[in-house]
């Protein structure tokens, strides 16, 4: 049903949480990566200077973007591989 709902709004992103059948629906432009880029712009720093911590699917892009991406001990395998 979540995947059917995902098709309704064109600008919606649907990400499943790893600990069950939870889904996060947000605008496609509302990402952790975008916020990091905004902070870097305002603070006049580079993404390479950022350390990020994550544990779930929504964190993968952020961990790849930052200079140092750290998977938490409880992170899912997909995060640990990124």
PDB file of N, CA and C in Angstrom:
ATOM      1  N   UNK A   1       0.815  -1.182   0.000  1.00  0.00           N
ATOM      2  CA  UNK A   1       0.000   0.000   0.000  1.00  0.00           C
ATOM      3  C   UNK A   1       0.873   1.266   0.000  1.00  0.00           C
ATOM      4  N   UNK A   2       2.011   1.227   0.707  1.00  0.00           N
ATOM      5  CA  UNK A   2       2.905   2.394   0.734  1.00  0.00           C
ATOM      6  C   UNK A   2       3.429   2.702  -0.659  1.00  0.00           C
ATOM      7  N   UNK A   3       3.767   1.687  -1.421  1.00  0.00           N
ATOM      8  CA  UNK A   3       4.278   1.929  -2.773  1.00  0.00           C
ATOM      9  C   UNK A   3       3.189   2.485  -3.687  1.00  0.00           C
ATOM     10  N   UNK A   4       1.937   2.114  -3.460  1.00  0.00           N
ATOM     11  CA  UNK A   4       0.844   2.707  -4.226  1.00  0.00           C
ATOM     12  C   UNK A   4       0.686   4.178  -3.857  1.00  0.00           C
ATOM     13  N   UNK A   5       0.788   4.498  -2.587  1.00  0.00           N
ATOM     14  CA  UNK A   5       0.688   5.886  -2.134  1.00  0.00           C
ATOM     15  C   UNK A   5       1.829   6.725  -2.695  1.00  0.00           C
ATOM     16  N   UNK A   6       2.982   6.116  -2.831  1.00  0.00           N
ATOM     17  CA  UNK A   6       4.153   6.817  -3.348  1.00  0.00           C
ATOM     18  C   UNK A   6       3.893   7.375  -4.747  1.00  0.00           C
ATOM     19  N   UNK A   7       3.065   6.698  -5.509  1.00  0.00           N
ATOM     20  CA  UNK A   7       2.804   7.107  -6.885  1.00  0.00           C
ATOM     21  C   UNK A   7       1.888   8.328  -6.968  1.00  0.00           C
ATOM     22  N   UNK A   8       1.196   8.685  -5.916  1.00  0.00           N
ATOM     23  CA  UNK A   8       0.250   9.792  -5.973  1.00  0.00           C
ATOM     24  C   UNK A   8       0.915  11.137  -6.245  1.00  0.00           C
ATOM     25  N   UNK A   9       1.739  11.650  -5.349  1.00  0.00           N
ATOM     26  CA  UNK A   9       2.379  12.940  -5.650  1.00  0.00           C
ATOM     27  C   UNK A   9       3.683  12.741  -6.425  1.00  0.00           C
ATOM     28  N   UNK A  10       3.891  13.510  -7.479  1.00  0.00           N
ATOM     29  CA  UNK A  10       5.097  13.376  -8.299  1.00  0.00           C
ATOM     30  C   UNK A  10       6.368  13.765  -7.572  1.00  0.00           C
ATOM     31  N   UNK A  11       6.258  14.693  -6.638  1.00  0.00           N
ATOM     32  CA  UNK A  11       7.455  15.189  -5.969  1.00  0.00           C
ATOM     33  C   UNK A  11       7.701  14.501  -4.629  1.00  0.00           C
ATOM     34  N   UNK A  12       7.118  13.319  -4.448  1.00  0.00           N
ATOM     35  CA  UNK A  12       7.228  12.603  -3.178  1.00  0.00           C
ATOM     36  C   UNK A  12       8.273  11.490  -3.264  1.00  0.00           C
ATOM     37  N   UNK A  13       9.009  11.329  -2.176  1.00  0.00           N
ATOM     38  CA  UNK A  13       9.989  10.256  -2.064  1.00  0.00           C
ATOM     39  C   UNK A  13       9.529   9.330  -0.944  1.00  0.00           C
ATOM     40  N   UNK A  14       9.675   8.047  -1.145  1.00  0.00           N
ATOM     41  CA  UNK A  14       9.250   7.071  -0.150  1.00  0.00           C
ATOM     42  C   UNK A  14      10.455   6.205   0.221  1.00  0.00           C
ATOM     43  N   UNK A  15      10.820   6.217   1.499  1.00  0.00           N
ATOM     44  CA  UNK A  15      11.938   5.402   1.979  1.00  0.00           C
ATOM     45  C   UNK A  15      11.444   4.522   3.108  1.00  0.00           C
ATOM     46  N   UNK A  16      11.745   3.240   3.031  1.00  0.00           N
ATOM     47  CA  UNK A  16      11.363   2.299   4.075  1.00  0.00           C
ATOM     48  C   UNK A  16      12.417   2.293   5.163  1.00  0.00           C
ATOM     49  N   UNK A  17      11.961   2.277   6.414  1.00  0.00           N
ATOM     50  CA  UNK A  17      12.877   2.121   7.533  1.00  0.00           C
ATOM     51  C   UNK A  17      13.205   0.638   7.687  1.00  0.00           C
ATOM     52  N   UNK A  18      14.383   0.340   8.168  1.00  0.00           N
ATOM     53  CA  UNK A  18      14.856  -1.044   8.221  1.00  0.00           C
ATOM     54  C   UNK A  18      14.240  -1.858   9.344  1.00  0.00           C
ATOM     55  N   UNK A  19      13.646  -1.220  10.337  1.00  0.00           N
ATOM     56  CA  UNK A  19      13.165  -1.958  11.502  1.00  0.00           C
ATOM     57  C   UNK A  19      11.695  -2.360  11.422  1.00  0.00           C
ATOM     58  N   UNK A  20      11.176  -2.501  10.238  1.00  0.00           N
ATOM     59  CA  UNK A  20       9.790  -2.941  10.088  1.00  0.00           C
ATOM     60  C   UNK A  20       9.157  -2.344   8.864  1.00  0.00           C
ATOM     61  N   UNK A  21       7.871  -2.221   8.915  1.00  0.00           N
ATOM     62  CA  UNK A  21       7.120  -1.701   7.777  1.00  0.00           C
ATOM     63  C   UNK A  21       6.738  -0.246   8.007  1.00  0.00           C
ATOM     64  N   UNK A  22       7.734   0.566   8.261  1.00  0.00           N
ATOM     65  CA  UNK A  22       7.590   2.006   8.426  1.00  0.00           C
ATOM     66  C   UNK A  22       8.089   2.661   7.151  1.00  0.00           C
ATOM     67  N   UNK A  23       7.404   3.671   6.715  1.00  0.00           N
ATOM     68  CA  UNK A  23       7.812   4.391   5.521  1.00  0.00           C
ATOM     69  C   UNK A  23       7.826   5.882   5.810  1.00  0.00           C
ATOM     70  N   UNK A  24       8.763   6.559   5.195  1.00  0.00           N
ATOM     71  CA  UNK A  24       8.870   8.008   5.336  1.00  0.00           C
ATOM     72  C   UNK A  24       8.542   8.626   3.985  1.00  0.00           C
ATOM     73  N   UNK A  25       7.549   9.495   3.970  1.00  0.00           N
ATOM     74  CA  UNK A  25       7.176  10.209   2.765  1.00  0.00           C
ATOM     75  C   UNK A  25       7.591  11.668   2.923  1.00  0.00           C
ATOM     76  N   UNK A  26       8.441  12.141   2.039  1.00  0.00           N
ATOM     77  CA  UNK A  26       8.875  13.534   2.065  1.00  0.00           C
ATOM     78  C   UNK A  26       8.988  14.041   0.633  1.00  0.00           C
ATOM     79  N   UNK A  27       9.102  15.342   0.517  1.00  0.00           N
ATOM     80  CA  UNK A  27       9.375  15.904  -0.811  1.00  0.00           C
ATOM     81  C   UNK A  27      10.746  15.404  -1.258  1.00  0.00           C
ATOM     82  N   UNK A  28      10.896  15.159  -2.532  1.00  0.00           N
ATOM     83  CA  UNK A  28      12.177  14.664  -3.052  1.00  0.00           C
ATOM     84  C   UNK A  28      13.319  15.625  -2.768  1.00  0.00           C
ATOM     85  N   UNK A  29      13.013  16.885  -2.630  1.00  0.00           N
ATOM     86  CA  UNK A  29      14.067  17.869  -2.376  1.00  0.00           C
ATOM     87  C   UNK A  29      14.430  17.967  -0.889  1.00  0.00           C
ATOM     88  N   UNK A  30      13.679  17.311  -0.025  1.00  0.00           N
ATOM     89  CA  UNK A  30      13.945  17.374   1.423  1.00  0.00           C
ATOM     90  C   UNK A  30      14.855  16.208   1.814  1.00  0.00           C
ATOM     91  N   UNK A  31      16.158  16.407   1.629  1.00  0.00           N
ATOM     92  CA  UNK A  31      17.112  15.343   1.925  1.00  0.00           C
ATOM     93  C   UNK A  31      18.186  15.841   2.883  1.00  0.00           C
ATOM     94  N   UNK A  32      18.824  14.918   3.530  1.00  0.00           N
ATOM     95  CA  UNK A  32      19.930  15.264   4.424  1.00  0.00           C
ATOM     96  C   UNK A  32      21.084  15.849   3.617  1.00  0.00           C
ATOM     97  N   UNK A  33      21.276  15.346   2.407  1.00  0.00           N
ATOM     98  CA  UNK A  33      22.337  15.862   1.546  1.00  0.00           C
ATOM     99  C   UNK A  33      22.106  17.339   1.221  1.00  0.00           C
ATOM    100  N   UNK A  34      20.876  17.674   0.917  1.00  0.00           N
ATOM    101  CA  UNK A  34      20.562  19.069   0.575  1.00  0.00           C
ATOM    102  C   UNK A  34      20.802  19.992   1.765  1.00  0.00           C
ATOM    103  N   UNK A  35      20.422  19.554   2.955  1.00  0.00           N
ATOM    104  CA  UNK A  35      20.634  20.369   4.153  1.00  0.00           C
ATOM    105  C   UNK A  35      22.125  20.562   4.397  1.00  0.00           C
ATOM    106  N   UNK A  36      22.904  19.509   4.229  1.00  0.00           N
ATOM    107  CA  UNK A  36      24.354  19.620   4.416  1.00  0.00           C
ATOM    108  C   UNK A  36      24.940  20.614   3.419  1.00  0.00           C
ATOM    109  N   UNK A  37      24.489  20.563   2.188  1.00  0.00           N
ATOM    110  CA  UNK A  37      24.972  21.509   1.174  1.00  0.00           C
ATOM    111  C   UNK A  37      24.598  22.943   1.557  1.00  0.00           C
ATOM    112  N   UNK A  38      23.410  23.150   2.084  1.00  0.00           N
ATOM    113  CA  UNK A  38      22.980  24.490   2.520  1.00  0.00           C
ATOM    114  C   UNK A  38      23.847  24.979   3.680  1.00  0.00           C
ATOM    115  N   UNK A  39      24.084  24.108   4.658  1.00  0.00           N
ATOM    116  CA  UNK A  39      24.910  24.474   5.812  1.00  0.00           C
ATOM    117  C   UNK A  39      26.330  24.817   5.358  1.00  0.00           C
ATOM    118  N   UNK A  40      26.859  24.017   4.462  1.00  0.00           N
ATOM    119  CA  UNK A  40      28.204  24.278   3.948  1.00  0.00           C
ATOM    120  C   UNK A  40      28.266  25.629   3.246  1.00  0.00           C
ATOM    121  N   UNK A  41      27.242  25.942   2.496  1.00  0.00           N
ATOM    122  CA  UNK A  41      27.200  27.218   1.788  1.00  0.00           C
ATOM    123  C   UNK A  41      27.164  28.388   2.773  1.00  0.00           C
ATOM    124  N   UNK A  42      26.308  28.300   3.760  1.00  0.00           N
ATOM    125  CA  UNK A  42      26.172  29.382   4.742  1.00  0.00           C
ATOM    126  C   UNK A  42      27.427  29.521   5.597  1.00  0.00           C
ATOM    127  N   UNK A  43      27.978  28.387   6.009  1.00  0.00           N
ATOM    128  CA  UNK A  43      29.158  28.407   6.889  1.00  0.00           C
ATOM    129  C   UNK A  43      30.473  28.505   6.137  1.00  0.00           C
ATOM    130  N   UNK A  44      30.385  28.474   4.808  1.00  0.00           N
ATOM    131  CA  UNK A  44      31.567  28.559   3.944  1.00  0.00           C
ATOM    132  C   UNK A  44      32.597  27.470   4.272  1.00  0.00           C
ATOM    133  N   UNK A  45      32.081  26.246   4.322  1.00  0.00           N
ATOM    134  CA  UNK A  45      32.945  25.083   4.513  1.00  0.00           C
ATOM    135  C   UNK A  45      32.668  24.090   3.389  1.00  0.00           C
ATOM    136  N   UNK A  46      33.538  23.115   3.246  1.00  0.00           N
ATOM    137  CA  UNK A  46      33.389  22.094   2.212  1.00  0.00           C
ATOM    138  C   UNK A  46      32.775  20.840   2.817  1.00  0.00           C
ATOM    139  N   UNK A  47      32.100  20.069   1.978  1.00  0.00           N
ATOM    140  CA  UNK A  47      31.520  18.811   2.465  1.00  0.00           C
ATOM    141  C   UNK A  47      32.604  17.874   2.982  1.00  0.00           C
ATOM    142  N   UNK A  48      33.807  18.008   2.446  1.00  0.00           N
ATOM    143  CA  UNK A  48      34.919  17.161   2.891  1.00  0.00           C
ATOM    144  C   UNK A  48      35.284  17.410   4.355  1.00  0.00           C
ATOM    145  N   UNK A  49      34.829  18.535   4.896  1.00  0.00           N
ATOM    146  CA  UNK A  49      35.127  18.887   6.285  1.00  0.00           C
ATOM    147  C   UNK A  49      34.058  18.379   7.266  1.00  0.00           C
ATOM    148  N   UNK A  50      33.049  17.711   6.737  1.00  0.00           N
ATOM    149  CA  UNK A  50      31.922  17.243   7.551  1.00  0.00           C
ATOM    150  C   UNK A  50      32.099  15.765   7.901  1.00  0.00           C
ATOM    151  N   UNK A  51      31.780  15.425   9.132  1.00  0.00           N
ATOM    152  CA  UNK A  51      31.705  14.024   9.573  1.00  0.00           C
ATOM    153  C   UNK A  51      30.234  13.723   9.828  1.00  0.00           C
ATOM    154  N   UNK A  52      29.736  12.657   9.232  1.00  0.00           N
ATOM    155  CA  UNK A  52      28.331  12.282   9.391  1.00  0.00           C
ATOM    156  C   UNK A  52      28.224  10.883   9.980  1.00  0.00           C
ATOM    157  N   UNK A  53      27.177  10.670  10.747  1.00  0.00           N
ATOM    158  CA  UNK A  53      26.903   9.379  11.356  1.00  0.00           C
ATOM    159  C   UNK A  53      25.527   8.921  10.891  1.00  0.00           C
ATOM    160  N   UNK A  54      25.390   7.633  10.583  1.00  0.00           N
ATOM    161  CA  UNK A  54      24.092   7.145  10.137  1.00  0.00           C
ATOM    162  C   UNK A  54      23.909   5.672  10.398  1.00  0.00           C
ATOM    163  N   UNK A  55      22.655   5.230  10.270  1.00  0.00           N
ATOM    164  CA  UNK A  55      22.362   3.830  10.530  1.00  0.00           C
ATOM    165  C   UNK A  55      21.292   3.229   9.628  1.00  0.00           C
ATOM    166  N   UNK A  56      20.617   4.036   8.801  1.00  0.00           N
ATOM    167  CA  UNK A  56      19.496   3.505   8.026  1.00  0.00           C
ATOM    168  C   UNK A  56      19.549   4.000   6.582  1.00  0.00           C
ATOM    169  N   UNK A  57      18.613   3.519   5.767  1.00  0.00           N
ATOM    170  CA  UNK A  57      18.608   3.804   4.336  1.00  0.00           C
ATOM    171  C   UNK A  57      18.712   5.299   4.023  1.00  0.00           C
ATOM    172  N   UNK A  58      17.987   6.130   4.749  1.00  0.00           N
ATOM    173  CA  UNK A  58      17.962   7.564   4.469  1.00  0.00           C
ATOM    174  C   UNK A  58      19.311   8.235   4.714  1.00  0.00           C
ATOM    175  N   UNK A  59      20.242   7.550   5.343  1.00  0.00           N
ATOM    176  CA  UNK A  59      21.546   8.123   5.667  1.00  0.00           C
ATOM    177  C   UNK A  59      22.627   7.830   4.627  1.00  0.00           C
ATOM    178  N   UNK A  60      22.388   6.917   3.728  1.00  0.00           N
ATOM    179  CA  UNK A  60      23.423   6.471   2.791  1.00  0.00           C
ATOM    180  C   UNK A  60      23.967   7.619   1.948  1.00  0.00           C
ATOM    181  N   UNK A  61      23.101   8.407   1.339  1.00  0.00           N
ATOM    182  CA  UNK A  61      23.557   9.529   0.518  1.00  0.00           C
ATOM    183  C   UNK A  61      24.362  10.537   1.308  1.00  0.00           C
ATOM    184  N   UNK A  62      23.927  10.808   2.539  1.00  0.00           N
ATOM    185  CA  UNK A  62      24.631  11.746   3.404  1.00  0.00           C
ATOM    186  C   UNK A  62      26.029  11.237   3.741  1.00  0.00           C
ATOM    187  N   UNK A  63      26.131   9.957   4.046  1.00  0.00           N
ATOM    188  CA  UNK A  63      27.425   9.387   4.401  1.00  0.00           C
ATOM    189  C   UNK A  63      28.396   9.424   3.231  1.00  0.00           C
ATOM    190  N   UNK A  64      27.880   9.243   2.015  1.00  0.00           N
ATOM    191  CA  UNK A  64      28.731   9.299   0.821  1.00  0.00           C
ATOM    192  C   UNK A  64      29.147  10.727   0.490  1.00  0.00           C
ATOM    193  N   UNK A  65      28.290  11.691   0.791  1.00  0.00           N
ATOM    194  CA  UNK A  65      28.564  13.089   0.477  1.00  0.00           C
ATOM    195  C   UNK A  65      29.649  13.683   1.367  1.00  0.00           C
ATOM    196  N   UNK A  66      29.623  13.341   2.616  1.00  0.00           N
ATOM    197  CA  UNK A  66      30.518  13.973   3.594  1.00  0.00           C
ATOM    198  C   UNK A  66      31.936  13.423   3.513  1.00  0.00           C
ATOM    199  N   UNK A  67      32.857  14.205   4.017  1.00  0.00           N
ATOM    200  CA  UNK A  67      34.261  13.805   4.011  1.00  0.00           C
ATOM    201  C   UNK A  67      34.502  12.514   4.757  1.00  0.00           C
ATOM    202  N   UNK A  68      33.795  12.316   5.832  1.00  0.00           N
ATOM    203  CA  UNK A  68      33.917  11.088   6.625  1.00  0.00           C
ATOM    204  C   UNK A  68      32.516  10.624   6.972  1.00  0.00           C
ATOM    205  N   UNK A  69      32.128   9.465   6.481  1.00  0.00           N
ATOM    206  CA  UNK A  69      30.829   8.883   6.783  1.00  0.00           C
ATOM    207  C   UNK A  69      31.020   7.685   7.687  1.00  0.00           C
ATOM    208  N   UNK A  70      30.370   7.695   8.825  1.00  0.00           N
ATOM    209  CA  UNK A  70      30.541   6.632   9.810  1.00  0.00           C
ATOM    210  C   UNK A  70      29.220   5.909  10.020  1.00  0.00           C
ATOM    211  N   UNK A  71      29.243   4.592   9.817  1.00  0.00           N
ATOM    212  CA  UNK A  71      28.067   3.763  10.082  1.00  0.00           C
ATOM    213  C   UNK A  71      28.069   3.390  11.560  1.00  0.00           C
ATOM    214  N   UNK A  72      26.950   3.590  12.197  1.00  0.00           N
ATOM    215  CA  UNK A  72      26.814   3.263  13.610  1.00  0.00           C
ATOM    216  C   UNK A  72      26.877   1.739  13.782  1.00  0.00           C
ATOM    217  N   UNK A  73      27.160   1.296  14.972  1.00  0.00           N
ATOM    218  CA  UNK A  73      27.243  -0.139  15.246  1.00  0.00           C
ATOM    219  C   UNK A  73      25.961  -0.878  14.938  1.00  0.00           C
ATOM    220  N   UNK A  74      24.824  -0.201  15.103  1.00  0.00           N
ATOM    221  CA  UNK A  74      23.539  -0.844  14.838  1.00  0.00           C
ATOM    222  C   UNK A  74      23.062  -0.627  13.416  1.00  0.00           C
ATOM    223  N   UNK A  75      23.919  -0.079  12.555  1.00  0.00           N
ATOM    224  CA  UNK A  75      23.531   0.235  11.174  1.00  0.00           C
ATOM    225  C   UNK A  75      23.205  -1.030  10.381  1.00  0.00           C
ATOM    226  N   UNK A  76      22.300  -0.850   9.424  1.00  0.00           N
ATOM    227  CA  UNK A  76      21.992  -1.968   8.531  1.00  0.00           C
ATOM    228  C   UNK A  76      23.178  -2.203   7.600  1.00  0.00           C
ATOM    229  N   UNK A  77      23.245  -3.389   7.027  1.00  0.00           N
ATOM    230  CA  UNK A  77      24.394  -3.769   6.182  1.00  0.00           C
ATOM    231  C   UNK A  77      24.589  -2.812   5.003  1.00  0.00           C
ATOM    232  N   UNK A  78      23.493  -2.327   4.398  1.00  0.00           N
ATOM    233  CA  UNK A  78      23.609  -1.431   3.260  1.00  0.00           C
ATOM    234  C   UNK A  78      24.353  -0.153   3.644  1.00  0.00           C
ATOM    235  N   UNK A  79      24.145   0.331   4.858  1.00  0.00           N
ATOM    236  CA  UNK A  79      24.843   1.522   5.330  1.00  0.00           C
ATOM    237  C   UNK A  79      26.305   1.201   5.597  1.00  0.00           C
ATOM    238  N   UNK A  80      26.557   0.076   6.200  1.00  0.00           N
ATOM    239  CA  UNK A  80      27.939  -0.315   6.493  1.00  0.00           C
ATOM    240  C   UNK A  80      28.747  -0.495   5.214  1.00  0.00           C
ATOM    241  N   UNK A  81      28.110  -0.935   4.153  1.00  0.00           N
ATOM    242  CA  UNK A  81      28.796  -1.124   2.863  1.00  0.00           C
ATOM    243  C   UNK A  81      29.078   0.191   2.159  1.00  0.00           C
ATOM    244  N   UNK A  82      28.300   1.230   2.458  1.00  0.00           N
ATOM    245  CA  UNK A  82      28.479   2.512   1.765  1.00  0.00           C
ATOM    246  C   UNK A  82      29.617   3.238   2.416  1.00  0.00           C
TER     247      UNK A  82
END
